[in-house]
Amino acid sequence: MAPQVGNGINVPSGGWTFGGETPAAFEDHVTGSIPFYAQCHDLIVDLAAHLVPAGGRCYDLGCSTGTLTTRLAELLAPRRAEVIGVDREPGMVELATERSGGLPYLRFETAALEELTLERADLVISYYSLQFLPVSSRRQVVGHIRRALDRGGSLILFEKVLAPTARDQEVATGVYQDWKLRQGFNDEEIAAKARSLRGVLQPQSPAENDSMLRAAGFAEVIQVFRWMVFEGVVARVAS
């Protein structure tokens, strides 16, 4: 029997997947799995209001069910700015399209981030998505994002990260597990989810992410969110 990781999601023996039955239960599961998940959607929408000009273009990479993508499209439609949500899972894209309500200047694409061709853009968002790529592929994708961004453009990157020391990592893991228990998960579900992510989610340290972004050509990297080992940054291209 496949292990249960909460909210009705069963994980096959091969590890965590965003396909299969995951899309239907994704929103409930992820809001109870990532601290301040919805509040950081608010933050990203507020940032986008400052970063996407009239007639501009914004990508949401790894858009899952399109909750954030749709909010961005609602915000930016009066500016006639295009919003494009991208996910590798057809089930996610199908659900996102159904829920978007046919908003203008919004479209969804099914594509692996490693194979995606980006058009020129003012803002690219990766909300807990790049961490699921191998590090070598991640650096390639970040380089591709940088080349697609116009001068003064930005990448909003949220990632689970590694703590600076083994002791800090132990404390952060314990605090995170306590938080998940308060969200209604039990010890068995928390352990099953952690096992399912082995070799699938590969976090880097904040310093490694910063180095990756600067090596790709971003001029500034500014932290905009941090809770234990969950971090959000804005990486900017020089004007």
Protein backbone atom coordinates (compact mmCIF):
# COMPACT_ATOMS: atom_id res chain seq x y z
CA MET A 1 0.00 0.00 0.00
CA ALA A 2 1.33 3.45 -0.92
CA PRO A 3 2.25 5.60 2.11
CA GLN A 4 -0.20 8.33 3.15
CA VAL A 5 1.36 11.81 3.46
CA GLY A 6 -1.81 13.68 4.47
CA ASN A 7 -4.84 15.34 2.85
CA GLY A 8 -5.71 12.18 0.95
CA ILE A 9 -2.42 11.99 -0.99
CA ASN A 10 -0.81 8.57 -1.32
CA VAL A 11 2.78 8.51 -2.57
CA PRO A 12 3.91 5.69 -4.87
CA SER A 13 6.98 3.68 -3.88
CA GLY A 14 9.17 5.66 -6.28
CA GLY A 15 8.82 8.84 -4.19
CA TRP A 16 6.93 12.13 -4.24
CA THR A 17 5.21 13.14 -7.47
CA PHE A 18 3.13 16.14 -8.53
CA GLY A 19 1.18 13.97 -10.98
CA GLY A 20 -1.39 11.25 -10.41
CA GLU A 21 -3.88 12.15 -7.68
CA THR A 22 -1.81 15.04 -6.31
CA PRO A 23 -3.37 17.98 -8.26
CA ALA A 24 -6.86 17.49 -6.77
CA ALA A 25 -5.55 17.61 -3.18
CA PHE A 26 -2.57 19.87 -3.76
CA GLU A 27 -3.86 23.16 -2.33
CA ASP A 28 -4.93 21.70 1.01
CA HIS A 29 -1.73 19.71 1.28
CA VAL A 30 0.71 22.49 0.41
CA THR A 31 -0.87 25.14 2.65
CA GLY A 32 -0.37 22.77 5.57
CA SER A 33 3.15 21.85 4.47
CA ILE A 34 4.84 25.20 3.77
CA PRO A 35 4.74 27.90 6.46
CA PHE A 36 3.13 31.18 5.37
CA TYR A 37 2.35 29.70 1.95
CA ALA A 38 -0.71 31.88 1.30
CA GLN A 39 0.77 34.97 2.96
CA CYS A 40 3.80 34.77 0.66
CA HIS A 41 1.40 34.69 -2.29
CA ASP A 42 0.24 38.08 -1.00
CA LEU A 43 3.85 39.26 -0.84
CA ILE A 44 4.60 38.13 -4.39
CA VAL A 45 1.49 39.82 -5.77
CA ASP A 46 2.50 43.06 -4.00
CA LEU A 47 6.01 42.79 -5.44
CA ALA A 48 4.66 42.13 -8.93
CA ALA A 49 2.63 45.32 -8.72
CA HIS A 50 5.94 47.19 -8.60
CA LEU A 51 7.96 45.02 -10.98
CA VAL A 52 5.74 44.43 -14.04
CA PRO A 53 5.10 47.45 -16.30
CA ALA A 54 2.21 48.07 -18.67
CA GLY A 55 2.43 45.70 -21.62
CA GLY A 56 4.99 43.58 -19.77
CA ARG A 57 5.27 39.84 -19.29
CA CYS A 58 5.40 37.68 -16.14
CA TYR A 59 6.11 33.94 -15.82
CA ASP A 60 5.07 31.68 -12.93
CA LEU A 61 7.29 28.61 -13.22
CA GLY A 62 6.01 25.47 -11.55
CA CYS A 63 2.58 27.09 -11.26
CA SER A 64 0.83 23.90 -10.02
CA THR A 65 -2.94 24.57 -9.84
CA GLY A 66 -2.53 28.22 -10.83
CA THR A 67 -3.69 29.93 -7.63
CA LEU A 68 -0.85 32.46 -7.63
CA THR A 69 -0.81 32.72 -11.44
CA THR A 70 -4.49 33.67 -11.54
CA ARG A 71 -4.03 36.30 -8.84
CA LEU A 72 -1.17 37.81 -10.84
CA ALA A 73 -3.33 37.88 -13.98
CA GLU A 74 -6.15 39.62 -12.09
CA LEU A 75 -3.69 42.25 -10.86
CA LEU A 76 -1.93 42.83 -14.18
CA ALA A 77 -4.85 42.59 -16.64
CA PRO A 78 -5.57 46.35 -16.47
CA ARG A 79 -1.97 46.91 -17.61
CA ARG A 80 -2.40 44.47 -20.50
CA ALA A 81 0.57 42.56 -19.10
CA GLU A 82 0.79 38.90 -20.10
CA VAL A 83 0.98 36.23 -17.38
CA ILE A 84 2.15 32.72 -18.28
CA GLY A 85 1.92 29.78 -15.91
CA VAL A 86 4.14 26.77 -16.62
CA ASP A 87 4.06 23.29 -15.09
CA ARG A 88 5.39 19.95 -16.21
CA GLU A 89 2.32 18.03 -14.99
CA PRO A 90 -0.65 18.01 -17.42
CA GLY A 91 -3.05 17.44 -14.52
CA MET A 92 -1.86 20.62 -12.81
CA VAL A 93 -2.17 22.68 -16.01
CA GLU A 94 -5.64 21.30 -16.72
CA LEU A 95 -6.86 22.22 -13.24
CA ALA A 96 -5.20 25.65 -13.40
CA THR A 97 -6.86 26.39 -16.73
CA GLU A 98 -10.28 25.35 -15.42
CA ARG A 99 -9.95 27.54 -12.34
CA SER A 100 -8.62 30.63 -14.12
CA GLY A 101 -12.02 31.65 -15.47
CA GLY A 102 -10.75 32.70 -18.90
CA LEU A 103 -8.94 35.82 -17.71
CA PRO A 104 -7.43 37.98 -20.46
CA TYR A 105 -3.66 37.99 -20.97
CA LEU A 106 -3.35 34.68 -19.07
CA ARG A 107 -2.24 31.35 -20.50
CA PHE A 108 -0.82 28.09 -19.21
CA GLU A 109 1.79 25.82 -20.76
CA THR A 110 2.76 22.24 -20.04
CA ALA A 111 6.55 21.99 -20.11
CA ALA A 112 9.54 20.82 -18.12
CA LEU A 113 11.51 23.84 -16.91
CA GLU A 114 14.72 22.35 -18.32
CA GLU A 115 13.19 22.38 -21.82
CA LEU A 116 11.14 25.58 -21.67
CA THR A 117 11.82 28.40 -24.12
CA LEU A 118 11.17 31.71 -22.37
CA GLU A 119 10.10 34.84 -24.19
CA ARG A 120 11.42 38.21 -23.08
CA ALA A 121 10.04 38.97 -19.62
CA ASP A 122 10.02 41.57 -16.85
CA LEU A 123 9.38 39.16 -13.98
CA VAL A 124 9.87 35.43 -13.47
CA ILE A 125 8.57 33.69 -10.35
CA SER A 126 9.69 30.33 -9.05
CA TYR A 127 7.73 29.54 -5.91
CA TYR A 128 9.26 26.40 -4.35
CA SER A 129 9.85 24.87 -7.80
CA LEU A 130 13.57 24.93 -8.69
CA GLN A 131 14.40 22.92 -5.57
CA PHE A 132 12.97 19.84 -7.29
CA LEU A 133 15.50 20.02 -10.14
CA PRO A 134 18.98 18.51 -9.98
CA VAL A 135 21.49 21.22 -9.09
CA SER A 136 23.15 21.07 -12.53
CA SER A 137 19.78 21.55 -14.25
CA ARG A 138 18.85 24.28 -11.77
CA ARG A 139 21.87 26.36 -12.71
CA GLN A 140 21.03 25.91 -16.38
CA VAL A 141 17.44 27.06 -15.84
CA VAL A 142 18.55 30.08 -13.77
CA GLY A 143 20.90 31.08 -16.57
CA HIS A 144 18.07 30.78 -19.07
CA ILE A 145 15.83 32.93 -16.86
CA ARG A 146 18.51 35.60 -16.58
CA ARG A 147 18.95 35.77 -20.35
CA ALA A 148 15.20 36.12 -20.86
CA LEU A 149 14.80 39.01 -18.43
CA ASP A 150 14.86 42.57 -19.72
CA ARG A 151 17.22 45.10 -18.14
CA GLY A 152 15.91 45.86 -14.67
CA GLY A 153 13.92 42.62 -14.67
CA SER A 154 13.60 40.39 -11.62
CA LEU A 155 13.40 36.77 -10.51
CA ILE A 156 11.40 36.04 -7.37
CA LEU A 157 12.78 32.79 -5.98
CA PHE A 158 11.36 30.94 -2.98
CA GLU A 159 13.19 27.78 -1.88
CA LYS A 160 13.58 25.45 1.05
CA VAL A 161 17.19 25.92 2.10
CA LEU A 162 19.80 24.32 4.33
CA ALA A 163 20.65 25.76 7.74
CA PRO A 164 24.25 26.98 8.25
CA THR A 165 25.29 24.24 10.72
CA ALA A 166 24.24 20.70 11.57
CA ARG A 167 22.91 21.91 14.94
CA ASP A 168 20.88 24.66 13.26
CA GLN A 169 19.51 22.10 10.80
CA GLU A 170 18.45 19.82 13.65
CA VAL A 171 16.66 22.66 15.43
CA ALA A 172 14.98 23.84 12.22
CA THR A 173 13.81 20.31 11.41
CA GLY A 174 12.31 19.93 14.89
CA VAL A 175 10.55 23.30 14.76
CA TYR A 176 9.17 22.49 11.31
CA GLN A 177 7.88 19.09 12.45
CA ASP A 178 6.15 20.72 15.43
CA TRP A 179 4.56 23.26 13.07
CA LYS A 180 3.27 20.48 10.78
CA LEU A 181 1.77 18.65 13.75
CA ARG A 182 -0.18 21.80 14.56
CA GLN A 183 -1.48 21.81 10.96
CA GLY A 184 -3.10 18.43 11.56
CA PHE A 185 -0.53 15.99 10.16
CA ASN A 186 0.47 13.05 12.35
CA ASP A 187 3.97 11.69 12.98
CA GLU A 188 3.51 8.85 10.48
CA GLU A 189 2.43 11.23 7.70
CA ILE A 190 5.31 13.61 8.41
CA ALA A 191 7.83 10.76 8.30
CA ALA A 192 6.29 9.34 5.10
CA LYS A 193 6.48 12.73 3.38
CA ALA A 194 10.12 13.17 4.42
CA ARG A 195 10.98 9.73 3.02
CA SER A 196 9.12 10.45 -0.22
CA LEU A 197 11.22 13.59 -0.80
CA ARG A 198 14.59 11.85 -0.49
CA GLY A 199 16.50 12.43 -3.69
CA VAL A 200 13.57 14.47 -5.05
CA LEU A 201 13.87 17.76 -3.16
CA GLN A 202 17.50 18.93 -3.11
CA PRO A 203 17.89 22.17 -1.15
CA GLN A 204 20.97 24.35 -1.25
CA SER A 205 22.19 26.79 1.38
CA PRO A 206 21.26 30.47 1.04
CA ALA A 207 24.90 31.17 0.18
CA GLU A 208 24.84 28.56 -2.59
CA ASN A 209 21.63 30.01 -4.02
CA ASP A 210 23.11 33.50 -3.88
CA SER A 211 26.25 32.30 -5.67
CA MET A 212 24.16 30.53 -8.33
CA LEU A 213 22.13 33.67 -8.99
CA ARG A 214 25.15 35.98 -9.18
CA ALA A 215 27.04 33.54 -11.42
CA ALA A 216 24.06 33.68 -13.81
CA GLY A 217 24.46 37.46 -14.01
CA PHE A 218 22.02 38.87 -11.46
CA ALA A 219 23.36 42.12 -10.01
CA GLU A 220 21.46 42.12 -6.70
CA VAL A 221 19.96 39.41 -4.48
CA ILE A 222 17.66 40.71 -1.74
CA GLN A 223 16.05 38.54 0.92
CA VAL A 224 12.33 39.28 1.27
CA PHE A 225 11.20 36.33 3.43
CA ARG A 226 12.70 33.85 5.89
CA TRP A 227 11.11 31.33 8.25
CA MET A 228 13.58 28.76 9.59
CA VAL A 229 14.69 26.94 6.39
CA PHE A 230 12.20 28.58 4.01
CA GLU A 231 13.51 31.63 2.15
CA GLY A 232 12.37 34.07 -0.50
CA VAL A 233 14.65 36.42 -2.46
CA VAL A 234 14.35 38.90 -5.31
CA ALA A 235 17.23 38.70 -7.79
CA ARG A 236 17.53 41.75 -10.03
CA VAL A 237 19.13 42.39 -13.38
CA ALA A 238 21.09 45.63 -13.63
CA SER A 239 19.13 48.49 -15.19
